[in-house]
């Protein structure tokens, strides 16, 4: 199960994120999202746990705890649709020049 984690301290790295979730079971991957330009944490990340029961246990126990200044938001990650965001490319134009 892929888990979304927000409210992470900005100095937390992948290994520390993995360590937090390992208390609840096996962790396949743990990644803190980094800003492409600065390389610094964006304050959220994703953890992949192969066992759904362990993942649910981690979500229940870690959601709303404080690791830093803000409480964590821990929930099942929403699946991304393939193809990425449309950015409006598939919308029909409105107005007199629409097709």
N, C-alpha and C. Protein backbone atom coordinates (compact mmCIF):
# COMPACT_ATOMS: atom_id res chain seq x y z
N UNK A 1 0.84 -1.18 0.00
CA UNK A 1 0.00 0.00 0.00
C UNK A 1 0.89 1.24 0.00
N UNK A 2 0.54 2.18 -0.84
CA UNK A 2 1.28 3.42 -0.93
C UNK A 2 0.64 4.43 0.03
N UNK A 3 1.47 5.06 0.86
CA UNK A 3 0.99 5.97 1.90
C UNK A 3 1.55 7.36 1.66
N UNK A 4 0.67 8.36 1.75
CA UNK A 4 1.05 9.76 1.64
C UNK A 4 1.28 10.30 3.04
N UNK A 5 2.38 11.04 3.22
CA UNK A 5 2.73 11.60 4.53
C UNK A 5 3.05 13.08 4.36
N UNK A 6 2.27 13.95 5.01
CA UNK A 6 2.53 15.40 4.95
C UNK A 6 2.81 15.91 6.35
N UNK A 7 3.38 17.12 6.41
CA UNK A 7 3.72 17.72 7.69
C UNK A 7 5.06 17.28 8.22
N UNK A 8 5.90 16.75 7.32
CA UNK A 8 7.22 16.27 7.73
C UNK A 8 8.14 17.45 8.05
N UNK A 9 8.99 17.30 9.06
CA UNK A 9 10.02 18.32 9.29
C UNK A 9 10.90 18.43 8.04
N UNK A 10 11.32 19.62 7.72
CA UNK A 10 12.09 19.84 6.49
C UNK A 10 13.49 19.23 6.51
N UNK A 11 13.97 18.84 7.70
CA UNK A 11 15.29 18.22 7.77
C UNK A 11 15.23 16.69 7.81
N UNK A 12 14.03 16.11 7.68
CA UNK A 12 13.87 14.66 7.71
C UNK A 12 14.27 14.07 6.35
N UNK A 13 15.05 12.99 6.34
CA UNK A 13 15.46 12.37 5.07
C UNK A 13 14.76 11.02 4.87
N UNK A 14 15.03 10.39 3.73
CA UNK A 14 14.40 9.11 3.37
C UNK A 14 14.62 8.04 4.44
N UNK A 15 15.83 7.93 4.93
CA UNK A 15 16.17 6.89 5.91
C UNK A 15 15.40 7.09 7.21
N UNK A 16 15.25 8.33 7.64
CA UNK A 16 14.51 8.61 8.87
C UNK A 16 13.02 8.33 8.68
N UNK A 17 12.50 8.66 7.51
CA UNK A 17 11.09 8.37 7.21
C UNK A 17 10.85 6.86 7.23
N UNK A 18 11.76 6.10 6.62
CA UNK A 18 11.65 4.65 6.63
C UNK A 18 11.69 4.10 8.05
N UNK A 19 12.58 4.64 8.86
CA UNK A 19 12.73 4.18 10.24
C UNK A 19 11.43 4.37 11.05
N UNK A 20 10.74 5.47 10.82
CA UNK A 20 9.48 5.73 11.52
C UNK A 20 8.44 4.67 11.18
N UNK A 21 8.35 4.31 9.90
CA UNK A 21 7.32 3.37 9.46
C UNK A 21 7.71 1.91 9.71
N UNK A 22 9.00 1.62 9.81
CA UNK A 22 9.45 0.24 10.07
C UNK A 22 8.96 -0.30 11.41
N UNK A 23 8.59 0.57 12.30
CA UNK A 23 8.06 0.14 13.59
C UNK A 23 6.74 -0.61 13.44
N UNK A 24 6.11 -0.43 12.28
CA UNK A 24 4.80 -1.04 12.04
C UNK A 24 4.87 -2.22 11.07
N UNK A 25 6.03 -2.43 10.44
CA UNK A 25 6.18 -3.54 9.51
C UNK A 25 7.19 -3.24 8.42
N UNK A 26 7.19 -4.11 7.41
CA UNK A 26 8.16 -3.99 6.31
C UNK A 26 7.86 -2.77 5.45
N UNK A 27 8.92 -2.04 5.12
CA UNK A 27 8.82 -0.89 4.24
C UNK A 27 9.56 -1.21 2.95
N UNK A 28 8.86 -1.10 1.84
CA UNK A 28 9.48 -1.34 0.53
C UNK A 28 10.29 -0.11 0.10
N UNK A 29 9.66 1.07 0.17
CA UNK A 29 10.36 2.32 -0.15
C UNK A 29 9.83 3.44 0.74
N UNK A 30 10.68 4.43 0.97
CA UNK A 30 10.29 5.64 1.69
C UNK A 30 11.02 6.80 1.02
N UNK A 31 10.26 7.74 0.49
CA UNK A 31 10.85 8.86 -0.24
C UNK A 31 10.27 10.18 0.22
N UNK A 32 11.13 11.10 0.60
CA UNK A 32 10.73 12.47 0.91
C UNK A 32 10.77 13.24 -0.40
N UNK A 33 9.70 13.98 -0.70
CA UNK A 33 9.65 14.78 -1.93
C UNK A 33 10.60 15.96 -1.81
N UNK A 34 11.41 16.13 -2.86
CA UNK A 34 12.39 17.22 -2.86
C UNK A 34 12.06 18.24 -3.93
N UNK A 35 12.33 19.51 -3.64
CA UNK A 35 12.16 20.57 -4.61
C UNK A 35 13.20 20.40 -5.71
N UNK A 36 12.78 20.46 -6.95
CA UNK A 36 13.70 20.22 -8.07
C UNK A 36 14.79 21.28 -8.17
N UNK A 37 14.47 22.50 -7.82
CA UNK A 37 15.46 23.57 -7.95
C UNK A 37 16.42 23.65 -6.77
N UNK A 38 15.90 23.50 -5.56
CA UNK A 38 16.75 23.68 -4.38
C UNK A 38 17.28 22.37 -3.81
N UNK A 39 16.61 21.25 -4.12
CA UNK A 39 17.01 19.96 -3.57
C UNK A 39 16.60 19.78 -2.12
N UNK A 40 15.82 20.73 -1.58
CA UNK A 40 15.39 20.66 -0.19
C UNK A 40 14.01 19.99 -0.10
N UNK A 41 13.72 19.45 1.08
CA UNK A 41 12.45 18.77 1.32
C UNK A 41 11.28 19.71 1.07
N UNK A 42 10.18 19.13 0.55
CA UNK A 42 8.95 19.89 0.35
C UNK A 42 7.97 19.64 1.51
N UNK A 43 8.40 18.85 2.51
CA UNK A 43 7.58 18.64 3.69
C UNK A 43 6.58 17.50 3.58
N UNK A 44 6.68 16.73 2.51
CA UNK A 44 5.82 15.56 2.38
C UNK A 44 6.58 14.45 1.70
N UNK A 45 6.01 13.25 1.73
CA UNK A 45 6.66 12.11 1.10
C UNK A 45 5.71 10.95 0.94
N UNK A 46 6.25 9.83 0.48
CA UNK A 46 5.47 8.63 0.24
C UNK A 46 6.21 7.42 0.80
N UNK A 47 5.45 6.51 1.38
CA UNK A 47 5.99 5.27 1.92
C UNK A 47 5.20 4.13 1.31
N UNK A 48 5.90 3.12 0.81
CA UNK A 48 5.25 1.95 0.24
C UNK A 48 5.47 0.77 1.17
N UNK A 49 4.37 0.23 1.69
CA UNK A 49 4.42 -0.93 2.59
C UNK A 49 3.66 -2.08 1.91
N UNK A 50 4.33 -3.22 1.67
CA UNK A 50 3.69 -4.32 0.94
C UNK A 50 2.53 -4.98 1.68
N UNK A 51 2.53 -4.94 3.01
CA UNK A 51 1.46 -5.58 3.78
C UNK A 51 0.40 -4.54 4.13
N UNK A 52 -0.82 -4.71 3.61
CA UNK A 52 -1.89 -3.73 3.80
C UNK A 52 -2.27 -3.56 5.27
N UNK A 53 -2.29 -4.65 6.04
CA UNK A 53 -2.63 -4.54 7.47
C UNK A 53 -1.61 -3.72 8.23
N UNK A 54 -0.32 -3.94 7.93
CA UNK A 54 0.74 -3.16 8.58
C UNK A 54 0.64 -1.69 8.17
N UNK A 55 0.33 -1.46 6.90
CA UNK A 55 0.20 -0.08 6.41
C UNK A 55 -0.96 0.63 7.11
N UNK A 56 -2.09 -0.05 7.25
CA UNK A 56 -3.24 0.55 7.93
C UNK A 56 -2.92 0.84 9.39
N UNK A 57 -2.18 -0.04 10.02
CA UNK A 57 -1.76 0.16 11.41
C UNK A 57 -0.87 1.40 11.51
N UNK A 58 0.06 1.56 10.57
CA UNK A 58 0.94 2.73 10.56
C UNK A 58 0.12 4.01 10.37
N UNK A 59 -0.84 3.98 9.45
CA UNK A 59 -1.68 5.15 9.19
C UNK A 59 -2.43 5.53 10.46
N UNK A 60 -3.06 4.56 11.11
CA UNK A 60 -3.85 4.83 12.32
C UNK A 60 -2.99 5.39 13.45
N UNK A 61 -1.78 4.87 13.59
CA UNK A 61 -0.94 5.27 14.72
C UNK A 61 -0.11 6.53 14.48
N UNK A 62 0.18 6.85 13.22
CA UNK A 62 1.04 8.00 12.94
C UNK A 62 0.27 9.25 12.54
N UNK A 63 -0.96 9.10 12.08
CA UNK A 63 -1.73 10.27 11.67
C UNK A 63 -1.95 11.19 12.87
N UNK A 64 -1.68 12.47 12.68
CA UNK A 64 -1.93 13.51 13.67
C UNK A 64 -0.92 13.56 14.82
N UNK A 65 0.21 12.83 14.70
CA UNK A 65 1.24 12.99 15.73
C UNK A 65 2.18 14.13 15.32
N UNK A 66 2.88 14.69 16.27
CA UNK A 66 3.81 15.78 15.98
C UNK A 66 5.24 15.27 15.93
N UNK A 67 5.89 15.47 14.80
CA UNK A 67 7.33 15.20 14.69
C UNK A 67 8.11 16.51 14.74
N UNK A 68 7.44 17.57 14.44
CA UNK A 68 8.06 18.89 14.42
C UNK A 68 7.04 19.90 14.88
N UNK A 69 6.89 20.96 14.10
CA UNK A 69 5.95 22.01 14.46
C UNK A 69 4.51 21.68 14.07
N UNK A 70 4.35 20.83 13.04
CA UNK A 70 3.00 20.53 12.54
C UNK A 70 2.67 19.07 12.77
N UNK A 71 1.37 18.77 12.94
CA UNK A 71 0.97 17.36 13.05
C UNK A 71 1.08 16.68 11.67
N UNK A 72 1.42 15.41 11.69
CA UNK A 72 1.49 14.66 10.44
C UNK A 72 0.11 14.38 9.89
N UNK A 73 0.02 14.34 8.57
CA UNK A 73 -1.16 13.85 7.88
C UNK A 73 -0.71 12.58 7.20
N UNK A 74 -1.26 11.45 7.61
CA UNK A 74 -0.85 10.15 7.08
C UNK A 74 -2.10 9.45 6.57
N UNK A 75 -2.12 9.15 5.26
CA UNK A 75 -3.29 8.50 4.68
C UNK A 75 -2.88 7.70 3.45
N UNK A 76 -3.78 6.82 3.03
CA UNK A 76 -3.52 6.05 1.82
C UNK A 76 -3.38 7.03 0.66
N UNK A 77 -2.34 6.84 -0.14
CA UNK A 77 -2.11 7.73 -1.27
C UNK A 77 -3.15 7.46 -2.35
N UNK A 78 -3.59 8.52 -2.98
CA UNK A 78 -4.53 8.39 -4.09
C UNK A 78 -3.75 8.03 -5.34
N UNK A 79 -4.30 7.09 -6.10
CA UNK A 79 -3.63 6.67 -7.33
C UNK A 79 -3.64 7.81 -8.34
N UNK A 80 -2.52 8.02 -8.98
CA UNK A 80 -2.43 9.02 -10.04
C UNK A 80 -2.98 8.43 -11.32
N UNK A 81 -3.71 9.24 -12.05
CA UNK A 81 -4.21 8.73 -13.33
C UNK A 81 -3.06 8.72 -14.32
N UNK A 82 -3.02 7.71 -15.17
CA UNK A 82 -1.94 7.64 -16.16
C UNK A 82 -2.13 8.76 -17.16
N UNK A 83 -1.05 9.31 -17.61
CA UNK A 83 -1.11 10.40 -18.57
C UNK A 83 -0.91 11.75 -17.93
N UNK A 84 -0.87 11.81 -16.62
CA UNK A 84 -0.60 13.06 -15.94
C UNK A 84 -1.77 14.01 -16.00
N UNK A 85 -1.53 15.25 -15.64
CA UNK A 85 -2.61 16.23 -15.65
C UNK A 85 -2.84 16.75 -17.05
N UNK A 86 -4.08 17.05 -17.34
CA UNK A 86 -4.40 17.51 -18.68
C UNK A 86 -4.02 18.97 -18.86
N UNK A 87 -3.99 19.71 -17.77
CA UNK A 87 -3.62 21.12 -17.88
C UNK A 87 -4.58 21.90 -18.75
N UNK A 88 -5.79 21.37 -18.95
CA UNK A 88 -6.77 22.04 -19.77
C UNK A 88 -6.65 21.72 -21.24
N UNK A 89 -5.72 20.88 -21.63
CA UNK A 89 -5.50 20.60 -23.04
C UNK A 89 -6.67 19.88 -23.68
N UNK A 90 -7.47 19.17 -22.89
CA UNK A 90 -8.59 18.42 -23.46
C UNK A 90 -9.92 19.15 -23.36
N UNK A 91 -9.91 20.36 -22.86
CA UNK A 91 -11.16 21.12 -22.74
C UNK A 91 -11.47 21.80 -24.04
N UNK A 92 -12.75 21.88 -24.32
CA UNK A 92 -13.18 22.61 -25.52
C UNK A 92 -13.17 24.11 -25.21
N UNK A 93 -12.75 24.92 -26.14
CA UNK A 93 -12.77 26.36 -25.90
C UNK A 93 -14.21 26.87 -25.85
N UNK A 94 -14.45 27.90 -25.05
CA UNK A 94 -15.78 28.49 -25.00
C UNK A 94 -15.78 29.77 -25.80
N UNK A 95 -16.93 30.28 -26.08
CA UNK A 95 -17.02 31.53 -26.81
C UNK A 95 -17.36 31.29 -28.28
N UNK A 96 -17.33 32.37 -29.07
CA UNK A 96 -17.78 32.30 -30.47
C UNK A 96 -16.89 31.43 -31.37
N UNK A 97 -15.63 31.18 -30.99
CA UNK A 97 -14.73 30.41 -31.84
C UNK A 97 -14.63 28.94 -31.46
N UNK A 98 -15.58 28.46 -30.68
CA UNK A 98 -15.50 27.06 -30.27
C UNK A 98 -15.86 26.15 -31.43
N UNK A 99 -15.42 24.88 -31.37
CA UNK A 99 -15.70 23.95 -32.45
C UNK A 99 -16.81 23.02 -32.14
